[in-house]
């Protein structure tokens, strides 16, 4: 095991400034690195159970349900683009990396609220509408293998990298 060298909130800065040179490639492209505090602030500001967050989770679930019932892959992907749970998942990744249990707790609460809202809507929709579980869109998503798990992990990592790179 290696000792943790990154902590938030950051300890009081020492008298000497950071002498590490910036990457010349980033300077050519006009990019500057974001500090840990800025990244932490951006990630944590998206946490919290609000009406907007719950509305996005419910709308995403509606879009996904319609896509599954219609067997329309483009609509299912549209539900993924809405992605209300991406923010809490990125916060969980950062919290795990930094060992910040308070940020992890907030992210888990936000994630649970979004999942419960989507699951509640899906449950109500399943009771109100006739759903054929043998439909191609539903059947193909109910059999999970090792390749499916690998695909999900790779897609999630790519989404996280995309989100973080836009914040940098």
N, C-alpha and C. Protein backbone atom coordinates (compact mmCIF):
# COMPACT_ATOMS: atom_id res chain seq x y z
N UNK A 1 0.85 -1.17 0.00
CA UNK A 1 0.00 0.00 0.00
C UNK A 1 0.89 1.23 0.00
N UNK A 2 0.41 2.25 -0.70
CA UNK A 2 1.14 3.50 -0.80
C UNK A 2 0.46 4.55 0.06
N UNK A 3 1.21 5.47 0.65
CA UNK A 3 0.59 6.53 1.46
C UNK A 3 -0.19 7.49 0.55
N UNK A 4 -1.27 8.03 1.09
CA UNK A 4 -2.07 8.99 0.35
C UNK A 4 -1.35 10.33 0.36
N UNK A 5 -1.14 10.90 -0.82
CA UNK A 5 -0.42 12.16 -0.90
C UNK A 5 -1.32 13.33 -1.28
N UNK A 6 -2.58 13.05 -1.66
CA UNK A 6 -3.50 14.11 -2.05
C UNK A 6 -4.61 14.18 -1.02
N UNK A 7 -4.79 15.35 -0.43
CA UNK A 7 -5.84 15.52 0.56
C UNK A 7 -6.63 16.78 0.24
N UNK A 8 -7.90 16.74 0.55
CA UNK A 8 -8.75 17.92 0.47
C UNK A 8 -9.51 17.98 1.78
N UNK A 9 -9.75 19.07 2.38
CA UNK A 9 -9.25 20.37 1.94
C UNK A 9 -7.73 20.41 2.05
N UNK A 10 -7.17 21.15 1.13
CA UNK A 10 -5.71 21.24 1.03
C UNK A 10 -5.14 21.91 2.28
N UNK A 11 -4.01 21.41 2.70
CA UNK A 11 -3.33 22.00 3.85
C UNK A 11 -2.88 23.42 3.51
N UNK A 12 -2.56 24.19 4.51
CA UNK A 12 -2.10 25.57 4.28
C UNK A 12 -0.91 25.57 3.33
N UNK A 13 -0.92 26.45 2.32
CA UNK A 13 0.19 26.46 1.38
C UNK A 13 1.49 26.88 2.06
N UNK A 14 2.55 26.25 1.61
CA UNK A 14 3.86 26.59 2.15
C UNK A 14 4.36 27.86 1.49
N UNK A 15 5.41 28.42 2.02
CA UNK A 15 5.92 29.70 1.52
C UNK A 15 6.41 29.61 0.09
N UNK A 16 7.00 28.49 -0.28
CA UNK A 16 7.53 28.39 -1.64
C UNK A 16 6.40 28.06 -2.62
N UNK A 17 6.50 28.60 -3.79
CA UNK A 17 5.51 28.38 -4.83
C UNK A 17 5.83 27.08 -5.56
N UNK A 18 4.83 26.56 -6.26
CA UNK A 18 5.03 25.34 -7.05
C UNK A 18 5.95 25.66 -8.21
N UNK A 19 7.08 25.00 -8.23
CA UNK A 19 8.08 25.30 -9.25
C UNK A 19 7.98 24.37 -10.45
N UNK A 20 6.99 23.48 -10.43
CA UNK A 20 6.83 22.54 -11.54
C UNK A 20 6.42 23.30 -12.80
N UNK A 21 7.13 23.08 -13.86
CA UNK A 21 6.85 23.79 -15.11
C UNK A 21 5.59 23.24 -15.75
N UNK A 22 4.84 24.12 -16.39
CA UNK A 22 3.63 23.71 -17.09
C UNK A 22 4.02 22.98 -18.37
N UNK A 23 3.11 22.15 -18.83
CA UNK A 23 3.34 21.40 -20.06
C UNK A 23 3.32 22.37 -21.24
N UNK A 24 4.39 22.44 -22.03
CA UNK A 24 4.42 23.38 -23.16
C UNK A 24 3.35 23.08 -24.20
N UNK A 25 2.96 21.82 -24.32
CA UNK A 25 1.90 21.48 -25.29
C UNK A 25 0.57 22.11 -24.86
N UNK A 26 0.28 22.11 -23.56
CA UNK A 26 -0.96 22.73 -23.07
C UNK A 26 -0.93 24.24 -23.30
N UNK A 27 0.24 24.85 -23.12
CA UNK A 27 0.34 26.30 -23.34
C UNK A 27 0.13 26.64 -24.80
N UNK A 28 0.62 25.81 -25.71
CA UNK A 28 0.42 26.05 -27.14
C UNK A 28 -1.06 26.01 -27.49
N UNK A 29 -1.79 25.09 -26.87
CA UNK A 29 -3.22 24.95 -27.16
C UNK A 29 -4.06 25.92 -26.36
N UNK A 30 -3.45 26.69 -25.50
CA UNK A 30 -4.19 27.67 -24.71
C UNK A 30 -4.88 27.06 -23.50
N UNK A 31 -4.51 25.84 -23.12
CA UNK A 31 -5.14 25.18 -21.98
C UNK A 31 -4.31 25.39 -20.74
N UNK A 32 -4.98 25.52 -19.64
CA UNK A 32 -4.30 25.57 -18.36
C UNK A 32 -4.87 24.47 -17.50
N UNK A 33 -4.05 23.95 -16.63
CA UNK A 33 -4.51 22.88 -15.76
C UNK A 33 -5.43 23.44 -14.69
N UNK A 34 -6.39 22.62 -14.30
CA UNK A 34 -7.32 23.01 -13.25
C UNK A 34 -6.77 22.48 -11.92
N UNK A 35 -6.93 23.25 -10.88
CA UNK A 35 -6.43 22.82 -9.57
C UNK A 35 -7.39 21.80 -8.96
N UNK A 36 -6.89 21.09 -7.97
CA UNK A 36 -7.74 20.12 -7.28
C UNK A 36 -8.95 20.78 -6.65
N UNK A 37 -8.74 21.97 -6.11
CA UNK A 37 -9.85 22.67 -5.46
C UNK A 37 -10.93 23.04 -6.46
N UNK A 38 -10.52 23.49 -7.66
CA UNK A 38 -11.50 23.84 -8.69
C UNK A 38 -12.26 22.60 -9.15
N UNK A 39 -11.55 21.51 -9.36
CA UNK A 39 -12.20 20.26 -9.77
C UNK A 39 -13.15 19.79 -8.69
N UNK A 40 -12.71 19.86 -7.45
CA UNK A 40 -13.55 19.46 -6.32
C UNK A 40 -14.81 20.32 -6.26
N UNK A 41 -14.66 21.63 -6.45
CA UNK A 41 -15.81 22.53 -6.41
C UNK A 41 -16.77 22.24 -7.55
N UNK A 42 -16.24 22.01 -8.76
CA UNK A 42 -17.11 21.72 -9.91
C UNK A 42 -17.87 20.42 -9.73
N UNK A 43 -17.19 19.42 -9.20
CA UNK A 43 -17.83 18.12 -9.01
C UNK A 43 -18.87 18.19 -7.89
N UNK A 44 -18.52 18.83 -6.79
CA UNK A 44 -19.44 18.85 -5.65
C UNK A 44 -20.62 19.80 -5.84
N UNK A 45 -20.50 20.79 -6.71
CA UNK A 45 -21.64 21.70 -6.92
C UNK A 45 -22.78 21.01 -7.65
N UNK A 46 -22.49 19.94 -8.38
CA UNK A 46 -23.53 19.21 -9.09
C UNK A 46 -24.24 18.19 -8.21
N UNK A 47 -23.83 18.06 -6.98
CA UNK A 47 -24.46 17.09 -6.07
C UNK A 47 -25.64 17.73 -5.37
N UNK A 48 -26.45 16.91 -4.84
CA UNK A 48 -27.62 17.40 -4.11
C UNK A 48 -28.89 16.99 -4.84
N UNK A 49 -29.88 16.63 -4.07
CA UNK A 49 -31.14 16.19 -4.63
C UNK A 49 -32.02 17.42 -4.79
N UNK A 50 -32.17 17.86 -6.03
CA UNK A 50 -33.02 19.01 -6.32
C UNK A 50 -34.17 18.58 -7.23
N UNK A 51 -35.12 19.45 -7.41
CA UNK A 51 -36.23 19.15 -8.32
C UNK A 51 -35.73 18.97 -9.75
N UNK A 52 -34.74 19.75 -10.13
CA UNK A 52 -34.19 19.63 -11.48
C UNK A 52 -33.52 18.27 -11.66
N UNK A 53 -32.72 17.86 -10.69
CA UNK A 53 -32.05 16.56 -10.77
C UNK A 53 -33.07 15.43 -10.85
N UNK A 54 -34.06 15.44 -9.98
CA UNK A 54 -35.08 14.39 -9.99
C UNK A 54 -35.88 14.43 -11.29
N UNK A 55 -36.16 15.62 -11.78
CA UNK A 55 -36.86 15.74 -13.06
C UNK A 55 -36.06 15.15 -14.20
N UNK A 56 -34.75 15.40 -14.21
CA UNK A 56 -33.89 14.83 -15.26
C UNK A 56 -33.84 13.31 -15.15
N UNK A 57 -33.78 12.79 -13.93
CA UNK A 57 -33.76 11.33 -13.75
C UNK A 57 -35.07 10.71 -14.25
N UNK A 58 -36.18 11.36 -13.94
CA UNK A 58 -37.48 10.84 -14.38
C UNK A 58 -37.61 10.95 -15.90
N UNK A 59 -37.20 12.08 -16.47
CA UNK A 59 -37.29 12.23 -17.93
C UNK A 59 -36.38 11.23 -18.64
N UNK A 60 -35.22 10.99 -18.10
CA UNK A 60 -34.32 10.00 -18.68
C UNK A 60 -34.96 8.61 -18.63
N UNK A 61 -35.61 8.28 -17.52
CA UNK A 61 -36.28 6.99 -17.40
C UNK A 61 -37.44 6.86 -18.38
N UNK A 62 -38.19 7.95 -18.59
CA UNK A 62 -39.29 7.93 -19.56
C UNK A 62 -38.75 7.68 -20.96
N UNK A 63 -37.70 8.40 -21.33
CA UNK A 63 -37.11 8.23 -22.66
C UNK A 63 -36.61 6.80 -22.84
N UNK A 64 -35.94 6.25 -21.82
CA UNK A 64 -35.44 4.88 -21.91
C UNK A 64 -36.58 3.88 -22.02
N UNK A 65 -37.65 4.09 -21.25
CA UNK A 65 -38.80 3.17 -21.30
C UNK A 65 -39.46 3.19 -22.68
N UNK A 66 -39.64 4.37 -23.23
CA UNK A 66 -40.24 4.46 -24.57
C UNK A 66 -39.33 3.78 -25.59
N UNK A 67 -38.03 3.99 -25.47
CA UNK A 67 -37.09 3.35 -26.38
C UNK A 67 -37.14 1.83 -26.28
N UNK A 68 -37.26 1.30 -25.07
CA UNK A 68 -37.35 -0.15 -24.89
C UNK A 68 -38.65 -0.69 -25.46
N UNK A 69 -39.76 0.00 -25.21
CA UNK A 69 -41.04 -0.47 -25.71
C UNK A 69 -41.12 -0.41 -27.23
N UNK A 70 -40.48 0.57 -27.84
CA UNK A 70 -40.47 0.71 -29.30
C UNK A 70 -39.37 -0.09 -29.98
N UNK A 71 -38.48 -0.66 -29.19
CA UNK A 71 -37.30 -1.34 -29.72
C UNK A 71 -36.48 -0.40 -30.59
N UNK A 72 -36.28 0.82 -30.10
CA UNK A 72 -35.57 1.85 -30.85
C UNK A 72 -34.27 2.19 -30.12
N UNK A 73 -33.16 1.72 -30.68
CA UNK A 73 -31.85 1.90 -30.04
C UNK A 73 -31.49 3.39 -29.94
N UNK A 74 -31.83 4.18 -30.95
CA UNK A 74 -31.49 5.61 -30.93
C UNK A 74 -32.16 6.31 -29.75
N UNK A 75 -33.39 5.95 -29.45
CA UNK A 75 -34.09 6.56 -28.32
C UNK A 75 -33.46 6.11 -27.00
N UNK A 76 -33.07 4.86 -26.91
CA UNK A 76 -32.41 4.36 -25.70
C UNK A 76 -31.10 5.11 -25.48
N UNK A 77 -30.35 5.33 -26.55
CA UNK A 77 -29.11 6.10 -26.44
C UNK A 77 -29.42 7.54 -26.03
N UNK A 78 -30.53 8.08 -26.52
CA UNK A 78 -30.95 9.42 -26.11
C UNK A 78 -31.16 9.52 -24.61
N UNK A 79 -31.68 8.46 -24.00
CA UNK A 79 -31.85 8.45 -22.54
C UNK A 79 -30.50 8.49 -21.85
N UNK A 80 -29.52 7.83 -22.46
CA UNK A 80 -28.17 7.83 -21.87
C UNK A 80 -27.51 9.20 -22.01
N UNK A 81 -27.85 9.91 -23.06
CA UNK A 81 -27.26 11.24 -23.28
C UNK A 81 -27.75 12.22 -22.21
N UNK A 82 -28.96 12.05 -21.75
CA UNK A 82 -29.49 12.92 -20.69
C UNK A 82 -28.62 12.78 -19.44
N UNK A 83 -28.25 11.57 -19.09
CA UNK A 83 -27.24 11.22 -18.09
C UNK A 83 -27.28 12.01 -16.78
N UNK A 84 -28.38 11.99 -16.04
CA UNK A 84 -28.40 12.74 -14.77
C UNK A 84 -27.52 12.13 -13.69
N UNK A 85 -27.21 10.84 -13.79
CA UNK A 85 -26.41 10.19 -12.76
C UNK A 85 -24.92 10.27 -13.03
N UNK A 86 -24.51 10.88 -14.13
CA UNK A 86 -23.09 10.99 -14.43
C UNK A 86 -22.37 11.87 -13.40
N UNK A 87 -22.97 12.97 -13.01
CA UNK A 87 -22.36 13.87 -12.02
C UNK A 87 -22.09 13.18 -10.70
N UNK A 88 -23.09 12.51 -10.10
CA UNK A 88 -22.81 11.80 -8.85
C UNK A 88 -21.79 10.67 -9.02
N UNK A 89 -21.77 10.02 -10.18
CA UNK A 89 -20.78 8.96 -10.39
C UNK A 89 -19.37 9.52 -10.49
N UNK A 90 -19.21 10.67 -11.15
CA UNK A 90 -17.90 11.32 -11.21
C UNK A 90 -17.48 11.75 -9.80
N UNK A 91 -18.43 12.25 -9.02
CA UNK A 91 -18.13 12.65 -7.64
C UNK A 91 -17.69 11.44 -6.81
N UNK A 92 -18.32 10.28 -7.03
CA UNK A 92 -17.90 9.08 -6.30
C UNK A 92 -16.48 8.68 -6.70
N UNK A 93 -16.15 8.83 -7.98
CA UNK A 93 -14.79 8.51 -8.43
C UNK A 93 -13.78 9.44 -7.76
N UNK A 94 -14.08 10.73 -7.75
CA UNK A 94 -13.16 11.69 -7.12
C UNK A 94 -13.06 11.44 -5.63
N UNK A 95 -14.19 11.16 -4.98
CA UNK A 95 -14.18 10.91 -3.54
C UNK A 95 -13.36 9.67 -3.21
N UNK A 96 -13.47 8.65 -4.04
CA UNK A 96 -12.69 7.44 -3.83
C UNK A 96 -11.20 7.72 -4.01
N UNK A 97 -10.89 8.50 -5.03
CA UNK A 97 -9.49 8.84 -5.30
C UNK A 97 -8.88 9.63 -4.16
N UNK A 98 -9.63 10.58 -3.63
CA UNK A 98 -9.11 11.46 -2.58
C UNK A 98 -9.35 10.92 -1.16
N UNK A 99 -10.17 9.89 -1.03
CA UNK A 99 -10.48 9.37 0.30
C UNK A 99 -11.37 10.31 1.08
N UNK A 100 -12.24 11.06 0.37
CA UNK A 100 -13.13 12.03 1.00
C UNK A 100 -14.49 11.36 1.25
N UNK A 101 -14.72 10.95 2.50
CA UNK A 101 -15.93 10.21 2.81
C UNK A 101 -17.18 11.09 2.80
N UNK A 102 -17.05 12.37 3.08
CA UNK A 102 -18.21 13.26 3.04
C UNK A 102 -18.70 13.45 1.60
N UNK A 103 -17.78 13.66 0.68
CA UNK A 103 -18.15 13.77 -0.74
C UNK A 103 -18.75 12.46 -1.23
N UNK A 104 -18.20 11.34 -0.80
CA UNK A 104 -18.73 10.03 -1.18
C UNK A 104 -20.14 9.85 -0.64
N UNK A 105 -20.38 10.27 0.58
CA UNK A 105 -21.73 10.17 1.17
C UNK A 105 -22.73 10.99 0.39
N UNK A 106 -22.36 12.24 0.04
CA UNK A 106 -23.25 13.10 -0.73
C UNK A 106 -23.54 12.49 -2.10
N UNK A 107 -22.51 11.95 -2.75
CA UNK A 107 -22.67 11.35 -4.07
C UNK A 107 -23.57 10.12 -4.00
N UNK A 108 -23.41 9.31 -2.97
CA UNK A 108 -24.24 8.12 -2.82
C UNK A 108 -25.70 8.49 -2.57
N UNK A 109 -25.93 9.51 -1.76
CA UNK A 109 -27.30 9.96 -1.50
C UNK A 109 -27.95 10.48 -2.79
N UNK A 110 -27.21 11.29 -3.55
CA UNK A 110 -27.73 11.82 -4.80
C UNK A 110 -28.00 10.69 -5.79
N UNK A 111 -27.08 9.75 -5.90
CA UNK A 111 -27.24 8.61 -6.79
C UNK A 111 -28.46 7.78 -6.39
N UNK A 112 -28.60 7.51 -5.10
CA UNK A 112 -29.73 6.70 -4.62
C UNK A 112 -31.05 7.39 -4.91
N UNK A 113 -31.12 8.70 -4.73
CA UNK A 113 -32.36 9.43 -5.00
C UNK A 113 -32.72 9.34 -6.49
N UNK A 114 -31.73 9.51 -7.36
CA UNK A 114 -31.99 9.42 -8.80
C UNK A 114 -32.42 8.02 -9.20
N UNK A 115 -31.75 7.01 -8.65
CA UNK A 115 -32.11 5.63 -8.96
C UNK A 115 -33.51 5.29 -8.45
N UNK A 116 -33.84 5.75 -7.25
CA UNK A 116 -35.17 5.49 -6.70
C UNK A 116 -36.26 6.18 -7.53
N UNK A 117 -36.00 7.40 -7.97
CA UNK A 117 -36.99 8.10 -8.81
C UNK A 117 -37.20 7.36 -10.13
N UNK A 118 -36.12 6.94 -10.77
CA UNK A 118 -36.23 6.22 -12.04
C UNK A 118 -36.88 4.86 -11.84
N UNK A 119 -36.49 4.16 -10.77
CA UNK A 119 -37.07 2.85 -10.51
C UNK A 119 -38.55 2.96 -10.18
N UNK A 120 -38.92 3.98 -9.39
CA UNK A 120 -40.34 4.18 -9.07
C UNK A 120 -41.17 4.44 -10.32
N UNK A 121 -40.64 5.27 -11.21
CA UNK A 121 -41.36 5.53 -12.46
C UNK A 121 -41.45 4.27 -13.30
N UNK A 122 -40.37 3.49 -13.37
CA UNK A 122 -40.38 2.25 -14.14
C UNK A 122 -41.38 1.25 -13.55
N UNK A 123 -41.46 1.19 -12.24
CA UNK A 123 -42.41 0.30 -11.59
C UNK A 123 -43.84 0.70 -11.92
N UNK A 124 -44.14 1.99 -11.84
CA UNK A 124 -45.48 2.48 -12.19
C UNK A 124 -45.79 2.21 -13.66
N UNK A 125 -44.83 2.45 -14.52
CA UNK A 125 -45.03 2.19 -15.95
C UNK A 125 -45.26 0.72 -16.23
N UNK A 126 -44.55 -0.15 -15.52
CA UNK A 126 -44.73 -1.58 -15.69
C UNK A 126 -46.10 -2.05 -15.23
N UNK A 127 -46.65 -1.39 -14.21
CA UNK A 127 -47.99 -1.74 -13.73
C UNK A 127 -49.08 -1.20 -14.65
N UNK A 128 -48.84 -0.05 -15.27
CA UNK A 128 -49.86 0.58 -16.11
C UNK A 128 -49.88 0.06 -17.55
N UNK A 129 -48.74 -0.30 -18.08
CA UNK A 129 -48.65 -0.69 -19.49
C UNK A 129 -48.29 -2.17 -19.60
N UNK A 130 -48.72 -2.76 -20.70
CA UNK A 130 -48.35 -4.14 -20.98
C UNK A 130 -46.94 -4.15 -21.56
N UNK A 131 -46.06 -4.85 -20.91
CA UNK A 131 -44.67 -4.90 -21.33
C UNK A 131 -44.35 -6.34 -21.73
N UNK A 132 -43.82 -6.51 -22.94
CA UNK A 132 -43.43 -7.83 -23.43
C UNK A 132 -41.94 -8.03 -23.15
N UNK A 133 -41.61 -8.84 -22.15
CA UNK A 133 -40.19 -9.02 -21.82
C UNK A 133 -39.40 -9.78 -22.87
N UNK A 134 -40.09 -10.37 -23.85
CA UNK A 134 -39.38 -11.08 -24.91
C UNK A 134 -39.08 -10.17 -26.10
N UNK A 135 -39.49 -8.91 -26.01
CA UNK A 135 -39.17 -7.95 -27.07
C UNK A 135 -37.66 -7.86 -27.24
N UNK A 136 -37.18 -7.65 -28.46
CA UNK A 136 -35.73 -7.68 -28.70
C UNK A 136 -34.93 -6.69 -27.84
N UNK A 137 -35.43 -5.48 -27.65
CA UNK A 137 -34.67 -4.48 -26.88
C UNK A 137 -34.56 -4.87 -25.42
N UNK A 138 -35.62 -5.42 -24.86
CA UNK A 138 -35.60 -5.81 -23.45
C UNK A 138 -34.84 -7.12 -23.28
N UNK A 139 -35.07 -8.08 -24.14
CA UNK A 139 -34.41 -9.39 -24.03
C UNK A 139 -32.90 -9.26 -24.18
N UNK A 140 -32.46 -8.41 -25.09
CA UNK A 140 -31.01 -8.28 -25.30
C UNK A 140 -30.32 -7.60 -24.12
N UNK A 141 -31.07 -6.87 -23.30
CA UNK A 141 -30.48 -6.17 -22.16
C UNK A 141 -30.67 -6.92 -20.85
N UNK A 142 -31.35 -8.05 -20.88
CA UNK A 142 -31.57 -8.79 -19.65
C UNK A 142 -30.64 -9.99 -19.50
N UNK A 143 -29.82 -10.27 -20.51
CA UNK A 143 -28.82 -11.34 -20.42
C UNK A 143 -27.45 -10.67 -20.40
N UNK A 144 -26.80 -10.74 -19.25
CA UNK A 144 -25.53 -10.04 -19.07
C UNK A 144 -24.40 -11.06 -19.01
N UNK A 145 -23.38 -10.79 -19.81
CA UNK A 145 -22.19 -11.64 -19.81
C UNK A 145 -20.96 -10.82 -19.50
N UNK A 146 -19.82 -11.45 -19.52
CA UNK A 146 -18.55 -10.77 -19.23
C UNK A 146 -18.26 -9.64 -20.20
N UNK A 147 -18.57 -9.86 -21.49
CA UNK A 147 -18.36 -8.82 -22.49
C UNK A 147 -19.23 -7.61 -22.25
N UNK A 148 -20.46 -7.83 -21.75
CA UNK A 148 -21.36 -6.72 -21.46
C UNK A 148 -20.83 -5.88 -20.30
N UNK A 149 -20.28 -6.54 -19.30
CA UNK A 149 -19.72 -5.82 -18.16
C UNK A 149 -18.49 -5.02 -18.58
N UNK A 150 -17.64 -5.62 -19.40
CA UNK A 150 -16.48 -4.91 -19.91
C UNK A 150 -16.89 -3.70 -20.74
N UNK A 151 -17.91 -3.88 -21.58
CA UNK A 151 -18.43 -2.77 -22.39
C UNK A 151 -18.96 -1.65 -21.50
N UNK A 152 -19.71 -2.00 -20.47
CA UNK A 152 -20.26 -0.99 -19.56
C UNK A 152 -19.16 -0.23 -18.84
N UNK A 153 -18.14 -0.93 -18.37
CA UNK A 153 -17.04 -0.27 -17.68
C UNK A 153 -16.27 0.66 -18.62
N UNK A 154 -16.02 0.20 -19.84
CA UNK A 154 -15.29 1.03 -20.80
C UNK A 154 -16.10 2.26 -21.19
N UNK A 155 -17.41 2.08 -21.42
CA UNK A 155 -18.25 3.22 -21.78
C UNK A 155 -18.36 4.20 -20.62
N UNK A 156 -18.47 3.71 -19.41
CA UNK A 156 -18.53 4.59 -18.24
C UNK A 156 -17.24 5.37 -18.05
N UNK A 157 -16.12 4.70 -18.23
CA UNK A 157 -14.83 5.38 -18.11
C UNK A 157 -14.68 6.44 -19.19
N UNK A 158 -15.10 6.12 -20.42
CA UNK A 158 -15.02 7.10 -21.51
C UNK A 158 -15.91 8.31 -21.22
N UNK A 159 -17.11 8.07 -20.71
CA UNK A 159 -17.99 9.19 -20.35
C UNK A 159 -17.42 10.05 -19.26
N UNK A 160 -16.81 9.42 -18.27
CA UNK A 160 -16.19 10.17 -17.17
C UNK A 160 -15.02 10.99 -17.68
N UNK A 161 -14.17 10.39 -18.51
CA UNK A 161 -13.04 11.13 -19.07
C UNK A 161 -13.50 12.31 -19.91
N UNK A 162 -14.55 12.11 -20.67
CA UNK A 162 -15.09 13.20 -21.49
C UNK A 162 -15.58 14.33 -20.61
N UNK A 163 -16.31 13.99 -19.57
CA UNK A 163 -16.85 15.01 -18.68
C UNK A 163 -15.73 15.77 -17.96
N UNK A 164 -14.75 15.03 -17.47
CA UNK A 164 -13.66 15.69 -16.75
C UNK A 164 -12.79 16.52 -17.69
N UNK A 165 -12.55 16.03 -18.90
CA UNK A 165 -11.70 16.78 -19.82
C UNK A 165 -12.35 18.09 -20.24
N UNK A 166 -13.68 18.14 -20.26
CA UNK A 166 -14.36 19.41 -20.56
C UNK A 166 -14.24 20.40 -19.42
N UNK A 167 -14.07 19.89 -18.20
CA UNK A 167 -13.92 20.76 -17.05
C UNK A 167 -12.49 21.25 -16.90
N UNK A 168 -11.55 20.54 -17.49
CA UNK A 168 -10.16 20.95 -17.40
C UNK A 168 -9.94 22.05 -18.34
